[in-house]
Amino acid sequence: MALFKKRTVGKPGEWFYCLAHHKVEEGPECPAKDRFGPYPTREEAEHAMRHAQERNLEWENDPKWHDKSAPTESAD
């Protein structure tokens, strides 16, 4: 008898995108470190990578995250 049971996270009807297998899963099939989600629908999970790319692009271009660096002074 096992002392600890492996608990799953999520419920049927929750959708995830598996980064390891590049596929949509209902309920948690793969470890949390390898998935995005949960999403309420399969269609939203199918577009997880596109949404992640769009968010990354927004963050890369967000002026709040990019301080204007002061010009460096050369040591003469």
PDB file of N, CA and C in Angstrom:
ATOM      1  N   MET A   1       0.839  -1.183   0.000  1.00  0.00           N
ATOM      2  CA  MET A   1       0.000   0.000   0.000  1.00  0.00           C
ATOM      3  C   MET A   1       0.884   1.246   0.000  1.00  0.00           C
ATOM      4  N   ALA A   2       0.607   2.120  -0.910  1.00  0.00           N
ATOM      5  CA  ALA A   2       1.395   3.353  -1.027  1.00  0.00           C
ATOM      6  C   ALA A   2       1.000   4.334   0.075  1.00  0.00           C
ATOM      7  N   LEU A   3       2.013   4.988   0.611  1.00  0.00           N
ATOM      8  CA  LEU A   3       1.743   5.978   1.643  1.00  0.00           C
ATOM      9  C   LEU A   3       1.183   7.261   1.061  1.00  0.00           C
ATOM     10  N   PHE A   4       1.633   7.595  -0.124  1.00  0.00           N
ATOM     11  CA  PHE A   4       1.198   8.834  -0.761  1.00  0.00           C
ATOM     12  C   PHE A   4       0.597   8.504  -2.107  1.00  0.00           C
ATOM     13  N   LYS A   5      -0.548   9.042  -2.362  1.00  0.00           N
ATOM     14  CA  LYS A   5      -1.181   8.860  -3.659  1.00  0.00           C
ATOM     15  C   LYS A   5      -0.777  10.006  -4.570  1.00  0.00           C
ATOM     16  N   LYS A   6      -0.572   9.685  -5.817  1.00  0.00           N
ATOM     17  CA  LYS A   6      -0.265  10.722  -6.796  1.00  0.00           C
ATOM     18  C   LYS A   6      -1.548  11.493  -7.084  1.00  0.00           C
ATOM     19  N   ARG A   7      -1.522  12.774  -6.763  1.00  0.00           N
ATOM     20  CA  ARG A   7      -2.693  13.601  -6.995  1.00  0.00           C
ATOM     21  C   ARG A   7      -2.576  14.280  -8.345  1.00  0.00           C
ATOM     22  N   THR A   8      -3.674  14.348  -9.034  1.00  0.00           N
ATOM     23  CA  THR A   8      -3.696  15.087 -10.295  1.00  0.00           C
ATOM     24  C   THR A   8      -4.291  16.457 -10.030  1.00  0.00           C
ATOM     25  N   VAL A   9      -3.923  17.393 -10.825  1.00  0.00           N
ATOM     26  CA  VAL A   9      -4.436  18.749 -10.715  1.00  0.00           C
ATOM     27  C   VAL A   9      -5.339  18.980 -11.905  1.00  0.00           C
ATOM     28  N   GLY A  10      -6.480  19.535 -11.669  1.00  0.00           N
ATOM     29  CA  GLY A  10      -7.403  19.801 -12.755  1.00  0.00           C
ATOM     30  C   GLY A  10      -8.559  18.837 -12.752  1.00  0.00           C
ATOM     31  N   LYS A  11      -9.507  19.122 -13.604  1.00  0.00           N
ATOM     32  CA  LYS A  11     -10.725  18.328 -13.670  1.00  0.00           C
ATOM     33  C   LYS A  11     -11.069  18.062 -15.130  1.00  0.00           C
ATOM     34  N   PRO A  12     -11.861  17.044 -15.383  1.00  0.00           N
ATOM     35  CA  PRO A  12     -12.336  16.862 -16.755  1.00  0.00           C
ATOM     36  C   PRO A  12     -13.064  18.124 -17.201  1.00  0.00           C
ATOM     37  N   GLY A  13     -12.884  18.501 -18.421  1.00  0.00           N
ATOM     38  CA  GLY A  13     -13.468  19.738 -18.925  1.00  0.00           C
ATOM     39  C   GLY A  13     -12.473  20.880 -18.907  1.00  0.00           C
ATOM     40  N   GLU A  14     -11.332  20.696 -18.250  1.00  0.00           N
ATOM     41  CA  GLU A  14     -10.258  21.681 -18.304  1.00  0.00           C
ATOM     42  C   GLU A  14      -9.278  21.209 -19.368  1.00  0.00           C
ATOM     43  N   TRP A  15      -8.833  22.136 -20.171  1.00  0.00           N
ATOM     44  CA  TRP A  15      -7.960  21.806 -21.288  1.00  0.00           C
ATOM     45  C   TRP A  15      -6.576  22.395 -21.073  1.00  0.00           C
ATOM     46  N   PHE A  16      -5.556  21.673 -21.500  1.00  0.00           N
ATOM     47  CA  PHE A  16      -4.170  22.081 -21.352  1.00  0.00           C
ATOM     48  C   PHE A  16      -3.453  21.906 -22.675  1.00  0.00           C
ATOM     49  N   TYR A  17      -2.383  22.677 -22.862  1.00  0.00           N
ATOM     50  CA  TYR A  17      -1.514  22.480 -24.011  1.00  0.00           C
ATOM     51  C   TYR A  17      -0.202  21.923 -23.488  1.00  0.00           C
ATOM     52  N   CYS A  18       0.176  20.736 -23.943  1.00  0.00           N
ATOM     53  CA  CYS A  18       1.399  20.079 -23.496  1.00  0.00           C
ATOM     54  C   CYS A  18       2.572  20.570 -24.335  1.00  0.00           C
ATOM     55  N   LEU A  19       3.558  21.160 -23.663  1.00  0.00           N
ATOM     56  CA  LEU A  19       4.745  21.671 -24.344  1.00  0.00           C
ATOM     57  C   LEU A  19       5.685  20.551 -24.773  1.00  0.00           C
ATOM     58  N   ALA A  20       5.665  19.428 -24.061  1.00  0.00           N
ATOM     59  CA  ALA A  20       6.549  18.313 -24.390  1.00  0.00           C
ATOM     60  C   ALA A  20       6.068  17.551 -25.622  1.00  0.00           C
ATOM     61  N   HIS A  21       4.753  17.393 -25.736  1.00  0.00           N
ATOM     62  CA  HIS A  21       4.196  16.601 -26.837  1.00  0.00           C
ATOM     63  C   HIS A  21       3.538  17.446 -27.917  1.00  0.00           C
ATOM     64  N   HIS A  22       3.447  18.762 -27.690  1.00  0.00           N
ATOM     65  CA  HIS A  22       2.832  19.691 -28.653  1.00  0.00           C
ATOM     66  C   HIS A  22       1.422  19.250 -29.024  1.00  0.00           C
ATOM     67  N   LYS A  23       0.631  18.983 -27.971  1.00  0.00           N
ATOM     68  CA  LYS A  23      -0.748  18.571 -28.218  1.00  0.00           C
ATOM     69  C   LYS A  23      -1.646  19.084 -27.104  1.00  0.00           C
ATOM     70  N   VAL A  24      -2.937  19.095 -27.390  1.00  0.00           N
ATOM     71  CA  VAL A  24      -3.952  19.516 -26.432  1.00  0.00           C
ATOM     72  C   VAL A  24      -4.394  18.293 -25.642  1.00  0.00           C
ATOM     73  N   GLU A  25      -4.562  18.485 -24.326  1.00  0.00           N
ATOM     74  CA  GLU A  25      -4.979  17.397 -23.442  1.00  0.00           C
ATOM     75  C   GLU A  25      -6.180  17.846 -22.624  1.00  0.00           C
ATOM     76  N   GLU A  26      -7.109  16.932 -22.389  1.00  0.00           N
ATOM     77  CA  GLU A  26      -8.196  17.229 -21.462  1.00  0.00           C
ATOM     78  C   GLU A  26      -7.795  16.684 -20.114  1.00  0.00           C
ATOM     79  N   GLY A  27      -7.837  17.540 -19.114  1.00  0.00           N
ATOM     80  CA  GLY A  27      -7.353  17.129 -17.800  1.00  0.00           C
ATOM     81  C   GLY A  27      -5.841  17.062 -17.838  1.00  0.00           C
ATOM     82  N   PRO A  28      -5.225  16.941 -16.708  1.00  0.00           N
ATOM     83  CA  PRO A  28      -3.757  16.932 -16.684  1.00  0.00           C
ATOM     84  C   PRO A  28      -3.198  15.554 -16.997  1.00  0.00           C
ATOM     85  N   GLU A  29      -2.598  15.409 -18.155  1.00  0.00           N
ATOM     86  CA  GLU A  29      -1.935  14.152 -18.500  1.00  0.00           C
ATOM     87  C   GLU A  29      -0.436  14.244 -18.236  1.00  0.00           C
ATOM     88  N   CYS A  30       0.140  15.393 -18.499  1.00  0.00           N
ATOM     89  CA  CYS A  30       1.576  15.584 -18.336  1.00  0.00           C
ATOM     90  C   CYS A  30       1.845  16.446 -17.102  1.00  0.00           C
ATOM     91  N   PRO A  31       3.093  16.435 -16.610  1.00  0.00           N
ATOM     92  CA  PRO A  31       3.431  17.246 -15.440  1.00  0.00           C
ATOM     93  C   PRO A  31       3.184  18.737 -15.687  1.00  0.00           C
ATOM     94  N   ALA A  32       2.917  19.460 -14.616  1.00  0.00           N
ATOM     95  CA  ALA A  32       2.609  20.889 -14.712  1.00  0.00           C
ATOM     96  C   ALA A  32       3.727  21.678 -15.376  1.00  0.00           C
ATOM     97  N   LYS A  33       4.969  21.258 -15.178  1.00  0.00           N
ATOM     98  CA  LYS A  33       6.096  21.981 -15.772  1.00  0.00           C
ATOM     99  C   LYS A  33       6.083  21.916 -17.297  1.00  0.00           C
ATOM    100  N   ASP A  34       5.321  20.999 -17.863  1.00  0.00           N
ATOM    101  CA  ASP A  34       5.291  20.802 -19.312  1.00  0.00           C
ATOM    102  C   ASP A  34       3.997  21.261 -19.960  1.00  0.00           C
ATOM    103  N   ARG A  35       3.190  22.066 -19.268  1.00  0.00           N
ATOM    104  CA  ARG A  35       1.914  22.428 -19.871  1.00  0.00           C
ATOM    105  C   ARG A  35       1.492  23.851 -19.566  1.00  0.00           C
ATOM    106  N   PHE A  36       0.682  24.399 -20.476  1.00  0.00           N
ATOM    107  CA  PHE A  36      -0.001  25.668 -20.288  1.00  0.00           C
ATOM    108  C   PHE A  36      -1.447  25.347 -19.979  1.00  0.00           C
ATOM    109  N   GLY A  37      -2.071  26.136 -19.139  1.00  0.00           N
ATOM    110  CA  GLY A  37      -3.487  25.949 -18.879  1.00  0.00           C
ATOM    111  C   GLY A  37      -3.777  26.052 -17.402  1.00  0.00           C
ATOM    112  N   PRO A  38      -4.969  25.832 -17.023  1.00  0.00           N
ATOM    113  CA  PRO A  38      -6.075  25.273 -17.800  1.00  0.00           C
ATOM    114  C   PRO A  38      -6.801  26.329 -18.637  1.00  0.00           C
ATOM    115  N   TYR A  39      -7.396  25.857 -19.703  1.00  0.00           N
ATOM    116  CA  TYR A  39      -8.227  26.666 -20.571  1.00  0.00           C
ATOM    117  C   TYR A  39      -9.645  26.111 -20.514  1.00  0.00           C
ATOM    118  N   PRO A  40     -10.652  26.958 -20.678  1.00  0.00           N
ATOM    119  CA  PRO A  40     -12.029  26.481 -20.584  1.00  0.00           C
ATOM    120  C   PRO A  40     -12.489  25.658 -21.793  1.00  0.00           C
ATOM    121  N   THR A  41     -11.830  25.850 -22.943  1.00  0.00           N
ATOM    122  CA  THR A  41     -12.240  25.101 -24.137  1.00  0.00           C
ATOM    123  C   THR A  41     -11.023  24.522 -24.851  1.00  0.00           C
ATOM    124  N   ARG A  42     -11.282  23.517 -25.643  1.00  0.00           N
ATOM    125  CA  ARG A  42     -10.223  22.899 -26.440  1.00  0.00           C
ATOM    126  C   ARG A  42      -9.635  23.908 -27.435  1.00  0.00           C
ATOM    127  N   GLU A  43     -10.500  24.725 -28.015  1.00  0.00           N
ATOM    128  CA  GLU A  43     -10.048  25.705 -29.010  1.00  0.00           C
ATOM    129  C   GLU A  43      -9.057  26.692 -28.404  1.00  0.00           C
ATOM    130  N   GLU A  44      -9.328  27.154 -27.184  1.00  0.00           N
ATOM    131  CA  GLU A  44      -8.392  28.084 -26.552  1.00  0.00           C
ATOM    132  C   GLU A  44      -7.059  27.409 -26.271  1.00  0.00           C
ATOM    133  N   ALA A  45      -7.090  26.159 -25.858  1.00  0.00           N
ATOM    134  CA  ALA A  45      -5.848  25.426 -25.598  1.00  0.00           C
ATOM    135  C   ALA A  45      -5.057  25.220 -26.884  1.00  0.00           C
ATOM    136  N   GLU A  46      -5.746  25.022 -28.005  1.00  0.00           N
ATOM    137  CA  GLU A  46      -5.066  24.844 -29.288  1.00  0.00           C
ATOM    138  C   GLU A  46      -4.276  26.091 -29.690  1.00  0.00           C
ATOM    139  N   HIS A  47      -4.712  27.250 -29.228  1.00  0.00           N
ATOM    140  CA  HIS A  47      -4.052  28.508 -29.578  1.00  0.00           C
ATOM    141  C   HIS A  47      -3.123  29.006 -28.479  1.00  0.00           C
ATOM    142  N   ALA A  48      -2.762  28.161 -27.547  1.00  0.00           N
ATOM    143  CA  ALA A  48      -1.936  28.560 -26.402  1.00  0.00           C
ATOM    144  C   ALA A  48      -0.587  29.121 -26.840  1.00  0.00           C
ATOM    145  N   MET A  49       0.073  28.494 -27.774  1.00  0.00           N
ATOM    146  CA  MET A  49       1.394  28.954 -28.206  1.00  0.00           C
ATOM    147  C   MET A  49       1.301  30.307 -28.911  1.00  0.00           C
ATOM    148  N   ARG A  50       0.272  30.499 -29.711  1.00  0.00           N
ATOM    149  CA  ARG A  50       0.101  31.782 -30.393  1.00  0.00           C
ATOM    150  C   ARG A  50      -0.112  32.895 -29.371  1.00  0.00           C
ATOM    151  N   HIS A  51      -0.947  32.628 -28.370  1.00  0.00           N
ATOM    152  CA  HIS A  51      -1.192  33.627 -27.330  1.00  0.00           C
ATOM    153  C   HIS A  51       0.082  33.922 -26.539  1.00  0.00           C
ATOM    154  N   ALA A  52       0.861  32.906 -26.261  1.00  0.00           N
ATOM    155  CA  ALA A  52       2.119  33.111 -25.530  1.00  0.00           C
ATOM    156  C   ALA A  52       3.083  33.973 -26.352  1.00  0.00           C
ATOM    157  N   GLN A  53       3.162  33.726 -27.656  1.00  0.00           N
ATOM    158  CA  GLN A  53       4.028  34.526 -28.517  1.00  0.00           C
ATOM    159  C   GLN A  53       3.562  35.979 -28.565  1.00  0.00           C
ATOM    160  N   GLU A  54       2.247  36.183 -28.632  1.00  0.00           N
ATOM    161  CA  GLU A  54       1.713  37.551 -28.655  1.00  0.00           C
ATOM    162  C   GLU A  54       2.027  38.273 -27.345  1.00  0.00           C
ATOM    163  N   ARG A  55       1.857  37.595 -26.208  1.00  0.00           N
ATOM    164  CA  ARG A  55       2.167  38.211 -24.919  1.00  0.00           C
ATOM    165  C   ARG A  55       3.649  38.521 -24.803  1.00  0.00           C
ATOM    166  N   ASN A  56       4.500  37.613 -25.245  1.00  0.00           N
ATOM    167  CA  ASN A  56       5.940  37.864 -25.195  1.00  0.00           C
ATOM    168  C   ASN A  56       6.313  39.093 -26.020  1.00  0.00           C
ATOM    169  N   LEU A  57       5.726  39.220 -27.184  1.00  0.00           N
ATOM    170  CA  LEU A  57       5.996  40.375 -28.037  1.00  0.00           C
ATOM    171  C   LEU A  57       5.530  41.668 -27.364  1.00  0.00           C
ATOM    172  N   GLU A  58       4.358  41.627 -26.734  1.00  0.00           N
ATOM    173  CA  GLU A  58       3.870  42.808 -26.014  1.00  0.00           C
ATOM    174  C   GLU A  58       4.828  43.189 -24.894  1.00  0.00           C
ATOM    175  N   TRP A  59       5.293  42.216 -24.138  1.00  0.00           N
ATOM    176  CA  TRP A  59       6.196  42.491 -23.026  1.00  0.00           C
ATOM    177  C   TRP A  59       7.541  43.017 -23.513  1.00  0.00           C
ATOM    178  N   GLU A  60       8.032  42.473 -24.619  1.00  0.00           N
ATOM    179  CA  GLU A  60       9.310  42.932 -25.156  1.00  0.00           C
ATOM    180  C   GLU A  60       9.239  44.385 -25.610  1.00  0.00           C
ATOM    181  N   ASN A  61       8.065  44.822 -26.021  1.00  0.00           N
ATOM    182  CA  ASN A  61       7.898  46.190 -26.516  1.00  0.00           C
ATOM    183  C   ASN A  61       7.271  47.123 -25.489  1.00  0.00           C
ATOM    184  N   ASP A  62       7.096  46.665 -24.272  1.00  0.00           N
ATOM    185  CA  ASP A  62       6.490  47.483 -23.221  1.00  0.00           C
ATOM    186  C   ASP A  62       7.542  48.417 -22.642  1.00  0.00           C
ATOM    187  N   PRO A  63       7.361  49.733 -22.779  1.00  0.00           N
ATOM    188  CA  PRO A  63       8.377  50.673 -22.290  1.00  0.00           C
ATOM    189  C   PRO A  63       8.566  50.616 -20.775  1.00  0.00           C
ATOM    190  N   LYS A  64       7.576  50.134 -20.030  1.00  0.00           N
ATOM    191  CA  LYS A  64       7.728  50.043 -18.576  1.00  0.00           C
ATOM    192  C   LYS A  64       8.797  49.023 -18.192  1.00  0.00           C
ATOM    193  N   TRP A  65       9.087  48.078 -19.079  1.00  0.00           N
ATOM    194  CA  TRP A  65      10.062  47.033 -18.770  1.00  0.00           C
ATOM    195  C   TRP A  65      11.434  47.324 -19.324  1.00  0.00           C
ATOM    196  N   HIS A  66      11.573  48.422 -20.050  1.00  0.00           N
ATOM    197  CA  HIS A  66      12.854  48.753 -20.660  1.00  0.00           C
ATOM    198  C   HIS A  66      13.287  50.136 -20.214  1.00  0.00           C
ATOM    199  N   ASP A  67      14.182  50.170 -19.256  1.00  0.00           N
ATOM    200  CA  ASP A  67      14.725  51.447 -18.805  1.00  0.00           C
ATOM    201  C   ASP A  67      15.669  51.980 -19.870  1.00  0.00           C
ATOM    202  N   LYS A  68      15.629  53.276 -20.059  1.00  0.00           N
ATOM    203  CA  LYS A  68      16.589  53.878 -20.978  1.00  0.00           C
ATOM    204  C   LYS A  68      17.909  53.933 -20.235  1.00  0.00           C
ATOM    205  N   SER A  69      18.879  53.281 -20.784  1.00  0.00           N
ATOM    206  CA  SER A  69      20.173  53.243 -20.104  1.00  0.00           C
ATOM    207  C   SER A  69      20.930  54.556 -20.349  1.00  0.00           C
ATOM    208  N   ALA A  70      21.611  54.963 -19.309  1.00  0.00           N
ATOM    209  CA  ALA A  70      22.434  56.184 -19.415  1.00  0.00           C
ATOM    210  C   ALA A  70      23.618  55.893 -20.303  1.00  0.00           C
ATOM    211  N   PRO A  71      24.068  56.883 -21.051  1.00  0.00           N
ATOM    212  CA  PRO A  71      25.250  56.648 -21.893  1.00  0.00           C
ATOM    213  C   PRO A  71      26.439  56.272 -21.029  1.00  0.00           C
ATOM    214  N   THR A  72      27.180  55.327 -21.474  1.00  0.00           N
ATOM    215  CA  THR A  72      28.358  54.883 -20.700  1.00  0.00           C
ATOM    216  C   THR A  72      29.493  55.862 -20.904  1.00  0.00           C
ATOM    217  N   GLU A  73      30.212  56.091 -19.826  1.00  0.00           N
ATOM    218  CA  GLU A  73      31.359  56.986 -19.905  1.00  0.00           C
ATOM    219  C   GLU A  73      32.602  56.153 -20.073  1.00  0.00           C
ATOM    220  N   SER A  74      33.461  56.580 -20.944  1.00  0.00           N
ATOM    221  CA  SER A  74      34.694  55.829 -21.132  1.00  0.00           C
ATOM    222  C   SER A  74      35.733  56.320 -20.145  1.00  0.00           C
ATOM    223  N   ALA A  75      36.509  55.399 -19.608  1.00  0.00           N
ATOM    224  CA  ALA A  75      37.567  55.747 -18.655  1.00  0.00           C
ATOM    225  C   ALA A  75      38.820  56.099 -19.438  1.00  0.00           C
ATOM    226  N   ASP A  76      39.218  57.336 -19.357  1.00  0.00           N
ATOM    227  CA  ASP A  76      40.412  57.777 -20.110  1.00  0.00           C
ATOM    228  C   ASP A  76      41.577  57.901 -19.185  1.00  0.00           C
TER     229      ASP A  76
END
